[in-house]
Amino acid sequence: MGDLMAKDIKTRVITIIAEQAVVEPGDVSPEQSLEDLGIDSMGLVEAIFAIEETFDVSVPFNANEPTDGDFDISSVAAIIKAVEGLVAEQHA
C-alpha cells in the first residue's frame, strides 16, 4: 500500500466526514451512518470529491443513485473500507 497506511486512510476519511458533518473527528464513530451525522446528499457528494482529491482515486459513485454501485456508503466504517479498497487498487 506504499506510504498510505490503513490507519492514515481511516484518519483522513474520518476527518473529511467530520468536516462535512461539522463535528470534531473524535465525535465520528465507525458505526454511524452519514444520516446519523446529519450529512445530506450534497454533503455526501462533497465528501466523495474530497476523498477523490485526498487519495487520488476515482470513486465509483453516482450522485443520482447513491446506493447503487460498488461504493458502500452505509456507514463510516463501510466508507473507510471502500476507500481502502480503492487505494489498494490504485497502488497495486
N, C-alpha and C. Protein backbone atom coordinates (compact mmCIF):
# COMPACT_ATOMS: atom_id res chain seq x y z
N MET A 1 0.82 -1.21 0.00
CA MET A 1 0.00 0.00 0.00
C MET A 1 0.86 1.26 0.00
N GLY A 2 2.15 1.08 -0.14
CA GLY A 2 3.02 2.24 -0.19
C GLY A 2 3.04 3.00 1.12
N ASP A 3 3.10 4.31 1.02
CA ASP A 3 3.23 5.11 2.23
C ASP A 3 1.89 5.45 2.87
N LEU A 4 0.81 5.02 2.22
CA LEU A 4 -0.52 5.31 2.76
C LEU A 4 -1.00 4.10 3.55
N MET A 5 -0.86 4.17 4.85
CA MET A 5 -1.25 3.05 5.69
C MET A 5 -2.74 3.10 6.00
N ALA A 6 -3.28 1.94 6.35
CA ALA A 6 -4.71 1.85 6.63
C ALA A 6 -5.13 2.85 7.71
N LYS A 7 -4.27 3.03 8.71
CA LYS A 7 -4.58 3.96 9.80
C LYS A 7 -4.72 5.39 9.27
N ASP A 8 -3.81 5.75 8.34
CA ASP A 8 -3.87 7.08 7.73
C ASP A 8 -5.16 7.26 6.95
N ILE A 9 -5.52 6.22 6.21
CA ILE A 9 -6.75 6.29 5.41
C ILE A 9 -7.94 6.51 6.33
N LYS A 10 -8.01 5.72 7.38
CA LYS A 10 -9.12 5.83 8.32
C LYS A 10 -9.18 7.25 8.90
N THR A 11 -8.03 7.75 9.35
CA THR A 11 -7.97 9.08 9.95
C THR A 11 -8.42 10.15 8.96
N ARG A 12 -7.93 10.05 7.74
CA ARG A 12 -8.27 11.06 6.74
C ARG A 12 -9.73 11.01 6.34
N VAL A 13 -10.26 9.79 6.17
CA VAL A 13 -11.68 9.66 5.81
C VAL A 13 -12.55 10.24 6.92
N ILE A 14 -12.21 9.91 8.16
CA ILE A 14 -12.99 10.42 9.29
C ILE A 14 -12.90 11.95 9.35
N THR A 15 -11.73 12.50 9.05
CA THR A 15 -11.57 13.95 9.04
C THR A 15 -12.46 14.59 7.98
N ILE A 16 -12.47 13.99 6.79
CA ILE A 16 -13.32 14.51 5.70
C ILE A 16 -14.79 14.46 6.09
N ILE A 17 -15.21 13.32 6.65
CA ILE A 17 -16.61 13.16 7.05
C ILE A 17 -16.96 14.14 8.17
N ALA A 18 -16.06 14.29 9.12
CA ALA A 18 -16.28 15.22 10.24
C ALA A 18 -16.45 16.64 9.72
N GLU A 19 -15.65 17.03 8.73
CA GLU A 19 -15.76 18.37 8.16
C GLU A 19 -17.14 18.58 7.56
N GLN A 20 -17.64 17.57 6.85
CA GLN A 20 -18.97 17.68 6.24
C GLN A 20 -20.07 17.72 7.29
N ALA A 21 -19.84 17.00 8.39
CA ALA A 21 -20.85 16.94 9.45
C ALA A 21 -20.73 18.11 10.41
N VAL A 22 -19.65 18.89 10.26
CA VAL A 22 -19.33 19.99 11.16
C VAL A 22 -19.26 19.50 12.61
N VAL A 23 -18.48 18.42 12.80
CA VAL A 23 -18.22 17.90 14.14
C VAL A 23 -16.72 17.64 14.24
N GLU A 24 -16.27 17.37 15.44
CA GLU A 24 -14.87 17.01 15.63
C GLU A 24 -14.66 15.58 15.15
N PRO A 25 -13.49 15.29 14.54
CA PRO A 25 -13.23 13.91 14.11
C PRO A 25 -13.42 12.90 15.24
N GLY A 26 -13.11 13.30 16.47
CA GLY A 26 -13.28 12.40 17.61
C GLY A 26 -14.73 12.05 17.90
N ASP A 27 -15.66 12.83 17.33
CA ASP A 27 -17.09 12.58 17.55
C ASP A 27 -17.68 11.67 16.48
N VAL A 28 -16.85 11.24 15.53
CA VAL A 28 -17.32 10.37 14.45
C VAL A 28 -16.95 8.94 14.81
N SER A 29 -17.95 8.05 14.86
CA SER A 29 -17.62 6.65 15.15
C SER A 29 -17.92 5.80 13.92
N PRO A 30 -17.17 4.70 13.73
CA PRO A 30 -17.31 3.87 12.53
C PRO A 30 -18.72 3.32 12.31
N GLU A 31 -19.47 3.13 13.39
CA GLU A 31 -20.81 2.53 13.26
C GLU A 31 -21.82 3.52 12.69
N GLN A 32 -21.52 4.80 12.78
CA GLN A 32 -22.50 5.80 12.36
C GLN A 32 -22.70 5.81 10.85
N SER A 33 -23.92 6.16 10.46
CA SER A 33 -24.17 6.38 9.04
C SER A 33 -24.03 7.88 8.79
N LEU A 34 -23.95 8.26 7.53
CA LEU A 34 -23.86 9.69 7.22
C LEU A 34 -25.12 10.41 7.68
N GLU A 35 -26.23 9.70 7.60
CA GLU A 35 -27.50 10.24 8.07
C GLU A 35 -27.43 10.56 9.56
N ASP A 36 -26.85 9.62 10.34
CA ASP A 36 -26.68 9.85 11.78
C ASP A 36 -25.92 11.14 12.04
N LEU A 37 -24.99 11.43 11.15
CA LEU A 37 -24.12 12.60 11.33
C LEU A 37 -24.72 13.87 10.73
N GLY A 38 -25.90 13.71 10.13
CA GLY A 38 -26.57 14.88 9.56
C GLY A 38 -26.00 15.31 8.22
N ILE A 39 -25.36 14.39 7.52
CA ILE A 39 -24.80 14.73 6.20
C ILE A 39 -25.84 14.41 5.14
N ASP A 40 -26.21 15.43 4.37
CA ASP A 40 -27.22 15.24 3.32
C ASP A 40 -26.52 14.84 2.02
N SER A 41 -27.30 14.69 0.96
CA SER A 41 -26.74 14.20 -0.31
C SER A 41 -25.69 15.16 -0.85
N MET A 42 -25.90 16.46 -0.63
CA MET A 42 -24.92 17.45 -1.08
C MET A 42 -23.61 17.27 -0.32
N GLY A 43 -23.73 17.08 0.99
CA GLY A 43 -22.54 16.85 1.81
C GLY A 43 -21.82 15.58 1.41
N LEU A 44 -22.61 14.57 1.06
CA LEU A 44 -22.03 13.30 0.62
C LEU A 44 -21.21 13.50 -0.64
N VAL A 45 -21.77 14.25 -1.60
CA VAL A 45 -21.07 14.50 -2.86
C VAL A 45 -19.77 15.25 -2.58
N GLU A 46 -19.82 16.24 -1.69
CA GLU A 46 -18.61 16.98 -1.34
C GLU A 46 -17.58 16.08 -0.67
N ALA A 47 -18.06 15.17 0.19
CA ALA A 47 -17.15 14.23 0.85
C ALA A 47 -16.49 13.32 -0.18
N ILE A 48 -17.27 12.85 -1.16
CA ILE A 48 -16.73 11.98 -2.21
C ILE A 48 -15.64 12.72 -3.00
N PHE A 49 -15.93 13.99 -3.36
CA PHE A 49 -14.92 14.77 -4.08
C PHE A 49 -13.65 14.92 -3.25
N ALA A 50 -13.84 15.19 -1.96
CA ALA A 50 -12.68 15.35 -1.07
C ALA A 50 -11.88 14.05 -0.98
N ILE A 51 -12.59 12.92 -0.93
CA ILE A 51 -11.91 11.62 -0.88
C ILE A 51 -11.12 11.40 -2.17
N GLU A 52 -11.74 11.71 -3.31
CA GLU A 52 -11.05 11.52 -4.60
C GLU A 52 -9.78 12.37 -4.66
N GLU A 53 -9.91 13.60 -4.20
CA GLU A 53 -8.78 14.52 -4.24
C GLU A 53 -7.68 14.10 -3.26
N THR A 54 -8.08 13.77 -2.04
CA THR A 54 -7.12 13.40 -1.00
C THR A 54 -6.33 12.16 -1.36
N PHE A 55 -7.02 11.15 -1.89
CA PHE A 55 -6.38 9.86 -2.12
C PHE A 55 -6.00 9.62 -3.58
N ASP A 56 -6.34 10.60 -4.45
CA ASP A 56 -6.05 10.46 -5.87
C ASP A 56 -6.65 9.17 -6.42
N VAL A 57 -7.93 8.96 -6.12
CA VAL A 57 -8.65 7.79 -6.62
C VAL A 57 -9.93 8.26 -7.31
N SER A 58 -10.52 7.38 -8.08
CA SER A 58 -11.80 7.67 -8.69
C SER A 58 -12.85 6.83 -7.98
N VAL A 59 -13.81 7.48 -7.35
CA VAL A 59 -14.84 6.77 -6.59
C VAL A 59 -16.00 6.42 -7.52
N PRO A 60 -16.35 5.12 -7.58
CA PRO A 60 -17.47 4.71 -8.45
C PRO A 60 -18.79 5.09 -7.79
N PHE A 61 -19.16 6.34 -7.97
CA PHE A 61 -20.32 6.87 -7.25
C PHE A 61 -21.16 7.70 -8.19
N ASN A 62 -22.45 7.45 -8.17
CA ASN A 62 -23.38 8.22 -8.98
C ASN A 62 -24.30 8.99 -8.03
N ALA A 63 -24.20 10.29 -8.04
CA ALA A 63 -24.97 11.12 -7.11
C ALA A 63 -26.47 10.92 -7.26
N ASN A 64 -26.89 10.54 -8.48
CA ASN A 64 -28.33 10.33 -8.71
C ASN A 64 -28.81 9.00 -8.15
N GLU A 65 -27.88 8.05 -8.01
CA GLU A 65 -28.22 6.73 -7.47
C GLU A 65 -27.20 6.36 -6.39
N PRO A 66 -27.20 7.10 -5.27
CA PRO A 66 -26.12 6.92 -4.29
C PRO A 66 -26.00 5.53 -3.71
N THR A 67 -27.09 4.77 -3.66
CA THR A 67 -26.98 3.44 -3.06
C THR A 67 -26.61 2.38 -4.09
N ASP A 68 -26.62 2.75 -5.37
CA ASP A 68 -26.17 1.82 -6.41
C ASP A 68 -24.66 1.87 -6.50
N GLY A 69 -24.09 0.91 -7.19
CA GLY A 69 -22.65 0.97 -7.41
C GLY A 69 -21.88 0.26 -6.32
N ASP A 70 -20.59 0.24 -6.49
CA ASP A 70 -19.73 -0.57 -5.64
C ASP A 70 -19.25 0.17 -4.40
N PHE A 71 -19.56 1.45 -4.31
CA PHE A 71 -19.02 2.23 -3.20
C PHE A 71 -20.04 2.24 -2.07
N ASP A 72 -19.72 1.52 -1.00
CA ASP A 72 -20.66 1.32 0.11
C ASP A 72 -20.64 2.54 1.03
N ILE A 73 -21.77 3.24 1.10
CA ILE A 73 -21.84 4.43 1.96
C ILE A 73 -22.76 4.22 3.15
N SER A 74 -22.98 2.95 3.51
CA SER A 74 -23.96 2.64 4.55
C SER A 74 -23.50 3.08 5.94
N SER A 75 -22.20 3.18 6.16
CA SER A 75 -21.69 3.62 7.45
C SER A 75 -20.30 4.21 7.26
N VAL A 76 -19.80 4.87 8.29
CA VAL A 76 -18.45 5.42 8.25
C VAL A 76 -17.44 4.29 8.01
N ALA A 77 -17.61 3.17 8.72
CA ALA A 77 -16.70 2.04 8.56
C ALA A 77 -16.73 1.51 7.13
N ALA A 78 -17.92 1.45 6.52
CA ALA A 78 -18.05 0.95 5.15
C ALA A 78 -17.32 1.87 4.18
N ILE A 79 -17.43 3.16 4.41
CA ILE A 79 -16.76 4.13 3.54
C ILE A 79 -15.24 3.98 3.67
N ILE A 80 -14.76 3.83 4.91
CA ILE A 80 -13.32 3.64 5.13
C ILE A 80 -12.85 2.40 4.38
N LYS A 81 -13.60 1.32 4.51
CA LYS A 81 -13.24 0.06 3.86
C LYS A 81 -13.23 0.22 2.33
N ALA A 82 -14.23 0.93 1.81
CA ALA A 82 -14.32 1.15 0.36
C ALA A 82 -13.13 1.98 -0.13
N VAL A 83 -12.78 2.99 0.64
CA VAL A 83 -11.63 3.83 0.26
C VAL A 83 -10.34 3.03 0.31
N GLU A 84 -10.19 2.20 1.34
CA GLU A 84 -9.01 1.33 1.44
C GLU A 84 -8.88 0.45 0.20
N GLY A 85 -10.02 -0.08 -0.26
CA GLY A 85 -10.04 -0.91 -1.44
C GLY A 85 -9.61 -0.15 -2.68
N LEU A 86 -10.13 1.07 -2.83
CA LEU A 86 -9.79 1.89 -3.99
C LEU A 86 -8.31 2.25 -3.98
N VAL A 87 -7.80 2.62 -2.81
CA VAL A 87 -6.39 2.99 -2.69
C VAL A 87 -5.50 1.78 -3.01
N ALA A 88 -5.90 0.62 -2.52
CA ALA A 88 -5.12 -0.61 -2.78
C ALA A 88 -5.08 -0.89 -4.29
N GLU A 89 -6.23 -0.74 -4.97
CA GLU A 89 -6.28 -0.96 -6.42
C GLU A 89 -5.39 0.07 -7.14
N GLN A 90 -5.52 1.30 -6.71
CA GLN A 90 -4.78 2.41 -7.34
C GLN A 90 -3.27 2.20 -7.26
N HIS A 91 -2.83 1.62 -6.13
CA HIS A 91 -1.39 1.50 -5.90
C HIS A 91 -0.90 0.06 -6.05
N ALA A 92 -1.73 -0.77 -6.67
CA ALA A 92 -1.35 -2.18 -6.85
C ALA A 92 -0.24 -2.30 -7.90
